[in-house]
C-alpha atoms as a PDB file:
ATOM      1  CA  MET A   1      11.846 -83.181-122.901  1.00  0.00           C
ATOM      2  CA  GLY A   2      15.278 -81.510-122.747  1.00  0.00           C
ATOM      3  CA  TRP A   3      15.288 -80.759-126.484  1.00  0.00           C
ATOM      4  CA  ILE A   4      11.825 -79.244-126.312  1.00  0.00           C
ATOM      5  CA  ALA A   5      12.891 -76.942-123.482  1.00  0.00           C
ATOM      6  CA  THR A   6      16.051 -76.034-125.423  1.00  0.00           C
ATOM      7  CA  LEU A   7      14.061 -75.139-128.527  1.00  0.00           C
ATOM      8  CA  LEU A   8      11.473 -73.136-126.583  1.00  0.00           C
ATOM      9  CA  THR A   9      14.133 -71.243-124.643  1.00  0.00           C
ATOM     10  CA  GLY A  10      16.103 -70.723-127.860  1.00  0.00           C
ATOM     11  CA  ALA A  11      12.997 -69.347-129.575  1.00  0.00           C
ATOM     12  CA  LEU A  12      12.442 -66.907-126.696  1.00  0.00           C
ATOM     13  CA  ILE A  13      16.092 -65.819-126.676  1.00  0.00           C
ATOM     14  CA  GLY A  14      16.147 -65.460-130.469  1.00  0.00           C
ATOM     15  CA  TRP A  15      12.924 -63.443-130.418  1.00  0.00           C
ATOM     16  CA  LEU A  16      14.255 -61.120-127.688  1.00  0.00           C
ATOM     17  CA  ALA A  17      17.554 -60.668-129.538  1.00  0.00           C
ATOM     18  CA  GLY A  18      15.575 -59.948-132.710  1.00  0.00           C
ATOM     19  CA  LYS A  19      13.640 -57.220-130.909  1.00  0.00           C
ATOM     20  CA  VAL A  20      16.897 -55.668-129.654  1.00  0.00           C
ATOM     21  CA  THR A  21      18.553 -55.748-133.093  1.00  0.00           C
ATOM     22  CA  ASP A  22      15.436 -55.206-135.244  1.00  0.00           C
ATOM     23  CA  VAL A  23      15.727 -58.588-136.975  1.00  0.00           C
ATOM     24  CA  SER A  24      12.575 -60.555-137.707  1.00  0.00           C
ATOM     25  CA  LYS A  25      13.149 -63.801-139.603  1.00  0.00           C
ATOM     26  CA  GLY A  26      10.570 -66.243-138.245  1.00  0.00           C
ATOM     27  CA  LEU A  27      10.298 -68.967-135.637  1.00  0.00           C
ATOM     28  CA  PHE A  28      12.890 -71.408-137.018  1.00  0.00           C
ATOM     29  CA  LEU A  29      15.616 -68.785-137.416  1.00  0.00           C
ATOM     30  CA  ASN A  30      14.785 -67.363-133.975  1.00  0.00           C
ATOM     31  CA  MET A  31      15.296 -70.829-132.478  1.00  0.00           C
ATOM     32  CA  LEU A  32      18.551 -71.316-134.340  1.00  0.00           C
ATOM     33  CA  ILE A  33      19.889 -67.877-133.394  1.00  0.00           C
ATOM     34  CA  GLY A  34      18.758 -68.364-129.787  1.00  0.00           C
ATOM     35  CA  VAL A  35      20.367 -71.780-129.343  1.00  0.00           C
ATOM     36  CA  LEU A  36      23.614 -70.873-131.123  1.00  0.00           C
ATOM     37  CA  GLY A  37      23.711 -67.431-129.485  1.00  0.00           C
ATOM     38  CA  SER A  38      23.330 -68.998-126.041  1.00  0.00           C
ATOM     39  CA  GLY A  39      26.312 -71.216-126.700  1.00  0.00           C
ATOM     40  CA  LEU A  40      28.272 -68.223-127.927  1.00  0.00           C
ATOM     41  CA  GLY A  41      27.224 -66.214-124.868  1.00  0.00           C
ATOM     42  CA  ARG A  42      28.286 -68.999-122.512  1.00  0.00           C
ATOM     43  CA  TRP A  43      31.665 -69.291-124.238  1.00  0.00           C
ATOM     44  CA  LEU A  44      32.338 -65.570-124.749  1.00  0.00           C
ATOM     45  CA  PHE A  45      31.143 -64.234-121.409  1.00  0.00           C
ATOM     46  CA  GLY A  46      31.905 -67.322-119.307  1.00  0.00           C
ATOM     47  CA  GLU A  47      35.108 -68.813-120.705  1.00  0.00           C
ATOM     48  CA  VAL A  48      36.749 -65.781-122.320  1.00  0.00           C
ATOM     49  CA  LEU A  49      35.663 -62.997-119.956  1.00  0.00           C
ATOM     50  CA  GLY A  50      35.277 -65.159-116.836  1.00  0.00           C
ATOM     51  CA  ILE A  51      31.810 -63.972-115.792  1.00  0.00           C
ATOM     52  CA  GLY A  52      30.479 -66.754-113.576  1.00  0.00           C
ATOM     53  CA  LYS A  53      26.759 -66.176-114.185  1.00  0.00           C
ATOM     54  CA  ALA A  54      27.334 -66.516-117.940  1.00  0.00           C
ATOM     55  CA  TYR A  55      27.475 -70.291-117.561  1.00  0.00           C
ATOM     56  CA  ASN A  56      23.679 -70.122-117.148  1.00  0.00           C
ATOM     57  CA  ALA A  57      23.297 -68.858-120.744  1.00  0.00           C
ATOM     58  CA  GLY A  58      20.434 -70.659-122.389  1.00  0.00           C
ATOM     59  CA  HIS A  59      18.854 -71.849-119.154  1.00  0.00           C
ATOM     60  CA  PHE A  60      15.410 -70.599-118.280  1.00  0.00           C
ATOM     61  CA  SER A  61      16.488 -68.188-115.557  1.00  0.00           C
ATOM     62  CA  LEU A  62      17.011 -64.445-115.529  1.00  0.00           C
ATOM     63  CA  SER A  63      20.798 -64.661-115.877  1.00  0.00           C
ATOM     64  CA  GLY A  64      20.457 -67.452-118.444  1.00  0.00           C
ATOM     65  CA  LEU A  65      18.132 -65.382-120.584  1.00  0.00           C
ATOM     66  CA  VAL A  66      20.239 -62.224-120.244  1.00  0.00           C
ATOM     67  CA  PHE A  67      23.503 -63.900-121.260  1.00  0.00           C
ATOM     68  CA  GLY A  68      21.719 -65.932-123.932  1.00  0.00           C
ATOM     69  CA  VAL A  69      20.270 -62.775-125.469  1.00  0.00           C
ATOM     70  CA  MET A  70      23.648 -61.028-125.246  1.00  0.00           C
ATOM     71  CA  GLY A  71      25.272 -63.945-127.075  1.00  0.00           C
ATOM     72  CA  ALA A  72      22.516 -63.939-129.701  1.00  0.00           C
ATOM     73  CA  VAL A  73      22.964 -60.195-130.223  1.00  0.00           C
ATOM     74  CA  VAL A  74      26.701 -60.758-130.771  1.00  0.00           C
ATOM     75  CA  LEU A  75      25.876 -63.559-133.231  1.00  0.00           C
ATOM     76  CA  ILE A  76      23.434 -61.336-135.144  1.00  0.00           C
ATOM     77  CA  ALA A  77      26.037 -58.547-135.294  1.00  0.00           C
ATOM     78  CA  ALA A  78      28.634 -60.986-136.638  1.00  0.00           C
ATOM     79  CA  LEU A  79      26.211 -62.342-139.254  1.00  0.00           C
ATOM     80  CA  ARG A  80      25.370 -58.790-140.333  1.00  0.00           C
ATOM     81  CA  ALA A  81      29.061 -57.869-140.565  1.00  0.00           C
ATOM     82  CA  LEU A  82      29.617 -60.868-142.835  1.00  0.00           C
ATOM     83  CA  GLY A  83      26.628 -59.876-144.954  1.00  0.00           C
ATOM     84  CA  LEU A  84      24.727 -63.068-144.131  1.00  0.00           C
ATOM     85  CA  LEU A  85      21.795 -61.406-142.390  1.00  0.00           C
ATOM     86  CA  SER A  86      19.754 -58.305-143.126  1.00  0.00           C
ATOM     87  CA  SER A  87      17.368 -56.350-140.914  1.00  0.00           C
ATOM     88  CA  ARG A  88      14.045 -57.464-142.387  1.00  0.00           C
END
């Protein structure tokens, strides 16, 4: 059940990040971006910047969704900068 919740939350986070950055690549890529972006958000905002609520990134809570989306937006920006992802 934990993996299902992770994938559903990742899909939601990836979809929200896609709306913010105008990227629409489908359900699978949304899940991947959401899950990886949540991990990036937890590391970047929690470990590097020391924001305590960032450790909730990827959890289904308001702070978890916010920091997960922020991490996914950073991931999308990095992928765009490397030329690995386009807008549409």
